């Protein structure tokens, strides 16, 4: 049960990081679309590893977008790192 609380806290942090990028005008629209899909996946009522895998898949697709500002790429890599810790 302690893991669930920890995972819930991590997912909350991830969703906050996604919101920051979604509200940033310099983040390309295709990246925002992937982030919205990832955020939706994190809100589904499934197992934590399934949520994290779905979100990782969506975000990983755009993590190397050439139009992504460098700081946004760092935030995305941080999000991917947090998602990996949930999947394990």
C-alpha atoms as a PDB file:
ATOM      1  CA  UNK A   1       0.000   0.000   0.000  1.00  0.00           C
ATOM      2  CA  UNK A   2       2.902   2.362   0.687  1.00  0.00           C
ATOM      3  CA  UNK A   3       4.023   1.929  -2.932  1.00  0.00           C
ATOM      4  CA  UNK A   4       0.597   3.045  -4.160  1.00  0.00           C
ATOM      5  CA  UNK A   5       0.867   6.266  -2.165  1.00  0.00           C
ATOM      6  CA  UNK A   6       4.381   6.824  -3.510  1.00  0.00           C
ATOM      7  CA  UNK A   7       3.231   6.157  -7.081  1.00  0.00           C
ATOM      8  CA  UNK A   8       0.238   8.475  -6.650  1.00  0.00           C
ATOM      9  CA  UNK A   9       2.582  11.237  -5.502  1.00  0.00           C
ATOM     10  CA  UNK A  10       4.909  10.624  -8.456  1.00  0.00           C
ATOM     11  CA  UNK A  11       2.001  10.685 -10.903  1.00  0.00           C
ATOM     12  CA  UNK A  12       0.823  13.964  -9.374  1.00  0.00           C
ATOM     13  CA  UNK A  13       4.322  15.418  -9.867  1.00  0.00           C
ATOM     14  CA  UNK A  14       4.436  14.146 -13.452  1.00  0.00           C
ATOM     15  CA  UNK A  15       1.028  15.649 -14.217  1.00  0.00           C
ATOM     16  CA  UNK A  16       2.208  18.999 -12.786  1.00  0.00           C
ATOM     17  CA  UNK A  17       5.305  18.901 -15.003  1.00  0.00           C
ATOM     18  CA  UNK A  18       3.120  18.101 -18.022  1.00  0.00           C
ATOM     19  CA  UNK A  19       0.837  21.038 -17.171  1.00  0.00           C
ATOM     20  CA  UNK A  20       3.830  23.387 -17.132  1.00  0.00           C
ATOM     21  CA  UNK A  21       4.760  22.299 -20.647  1.00  0.00           C
ATOM     22  CA  UNK A  22       1.149  22.432 -21.859  1.00  0.00           C
ATOM     23  CA  UNK A  23       0.913  26.068 -20.743  1.00  0.00           C
ATOM     24  CA  UNK A  24       4.150  27.029 -22.480  1.00  0.00           C
ATOM     25  CA  UNK A  25       3.700  28.765 -25.841  1.00  0.00           C
ATOM     26  CA  UNK A  26       7.147  27.677 -27.069  1.00  0.00           C
ATOM     27  CA  UNK A  27       6.283  23.960 -26.930  1.00  0.00           C
ATOM     28  CA  UNK A  28       5.159  22.702 -30.374  1.00  0.00           C
ATOM     29  CA  UNK A  29       1.544  21.618 -30.828  1.00  0.00           C
ATOM     30  CA  UNK A  30       2.435  17.997 -31.687  1.00  0.00           C
ATOM     31  CA  UNK A  31       4.371  17.724 -28.422  1.00  0.00           C
ATOM     32  CA  UNK A  32       1.447  19.198 -26.481  1.00  0.00           C
ATOM     33  CA  UNK A  33      -0.895  16.658 -28.089  1.00  0.00           C
ATOM     34  CA  UNK A  34       1.372  13.796 -26.997  1.00  0.00           C
ATOM     35  CA  UNK A  35       1.628  15.281 -23.494  1.00  0.00           C
ATOM     36  CA  UNK A  36      -2.170  15.567 -23.248  1.00  0.00           C
ATOM     37  CA  UNK A  37      -2.493  11.910 -24.289  1.00  0.00           C
ATOM     38  CA  UNK A  38       0.124  10.902 -21.726  1.00  0.00           C
ATOM     39  CA  UNK A  39      -1.656  12.884 -19.015  1.00  0.00           C
ATOM     40  CA  UNK A  40      -4.929  11.178 -19.922  1.00  0.00           C
ATOM     41  CA  UNK A  41      -3.220   7.771 -19.748  1.00  0.00           C
ATOM     42  CA  UNK A  42      -1.979   8.592 -16.242  1.00  0.00           C
ATOM     43  CA  UNK A  43      -5.547   9.330 -15.198  1.00  0.00           C
ATOM     44  CA  UNK A  44      -6.935   5.974 -16.317  1.00  0.00           C
ATOM     45  CA  UNK A  45      -8.099   3.433 -13.774  1.00  0.00           C
ATOM     46  CA  UNK A  46      -5.499   0.766 -14.524  1.00  0.00           C
ATOM     47  CA  UNK A  47      -2.375  -0.672 -12.972  1.00  0.00           C
ATOM     48  CA  UNK A  48       0.435   1.813 -12.331  1.00  0.00           C
ATOM     49  CA  UNK A  49       2.839   0.053 -14.679  1.00  0.00           C
ATOM     50  CA  UNK A  50       0.238   0.123 -17.477  1.00  0.00           C
ATOM     51  CA  UNK A  51      -0.365   3.853 -16.950  1.00  0.00           C
ATOM     52  CA  UNK A  52       3.362   4.566 -16.890  1.00  0.00           C
ATOM     53  CA  UNK A  53       4.015   2.471 -19.996  1.00  0.00           C
ATOM     54  CA  UNK A  54       1.260   4.185 -21.981  1.00  0.00           C
ATOM     55  CA  UNK A  55       2.450   7.634 -20.925  1.00  0.00           C
ATOM     56  CA  UNK A  56       6.086   6.755 -21.653  1.00  0.00           C
ATOM     57  CA  UNK A  57       5.173   5.573 -25.134  1.00  0.00           C
ATOM     58  CA  UNK A  58       3.359   8.833 -25.941  1.00  0.00           C
ATOM     59  CA  UNK A  59       6.054  11.116 -24.542  1.00  0.00           C
ATOM     60  CA  UNK A  60       8.976   9.133 -25.960  1.00  0.00           C
ATOM     61  CA  UNK A  61       7.600   9.674 -29.469  1.00  0.00           C
ATOM     62  CA  UNK A  62       8.180  13.426 -29.186  1.00  0.00           C
ATOM     63  CA  UNK A  63      11.113  13.618 -26.789  1.00  0.00           C
ATOM     64  CA  UNK A  64      13.565  14.254 -29.628  1.00  0.00           C
ATOM     65  CA  UNK A  65      11.420  16.718 -31.573  1.00  0.00           C
ATOM     66  CA  UNK A  66      13.790  19.156 -33.263  1.00  0.00           C
ATOM     67  CA  UNK A  67      11.535  22.127 -32.436  1.00  0.00           C
ATOM     68  CA  UNK A  68      11.465  21.391 -28.713  1.00  0.00           C
ATOM     69  CA  UNK A  69      13.151  24.091 -26.589  1.00  0.00           C
ATOM     70  CA  UNK A  70      16.157  22.692 -24.664  1.00  0.00           C
ATOM     71  CA  UNK A  71      14.657  23.286 -21.203  1.00  0.00           C
ATOM     72  CA  UNK A  72      11.417  21.561 -22.283  1.00  0.00           C
ATOM     73  CA  UNK A  73      13.457  18.571 -23.456  1.00  0.00           C
ATOM     74  CA  UNK A  74      15.046  18.424 -19.984  1.00  0.00           C
ATOM     75  CA  UNK A  75      11.604  18.467 -18.361  1.00  0.00           C
ATOM     76  CA  UNK A  76      10.461  15.683 -20.688  1.00  0.00           C
ATOM     77  CA  UNK A  77      13.518  13.588 -19.866  1.00  0.00           C
ATOM     78  CA  UNK A  78      12.799  14.125 -16.183  1.00  0.00           C
ATOM     79  CA  UNK A  79       9.196  13.005 -16.716  1.00  0.00           C
ATOM     80  CA  UNK A  80      10.398   9.902 -18.583  1.00  0.00           C
ATOM     81  CA  UNK A  81      12.796   9.120 -15.744  1.00  0.00           C
ATOM     82  CA  UNK A  82       9.980   9.362 -13.179  1.00  0.00           C
ATOM     83  CA  UNK A  83       7.752   7.173 -15.353  1.00  0.00           C
ATOM     84  CA  UNK A  84      10.510   4.549 -15.577  1.00  0.00           C
ATOM     85  CA  UNK A  85      10.706   4.384 -11.785  1.00  0.00           C
ATOM     86  CA  UNK A  86       6.971   3.633 -11.675  1.00  0.00           C
ATOM     87  CA  UNK A  87       7.201   0.897 -14.306  1.00  0.00           C
ATOM     88  CA  UNK A  88       9.854  -1.051 -12.377  1.00  0.00           C
END
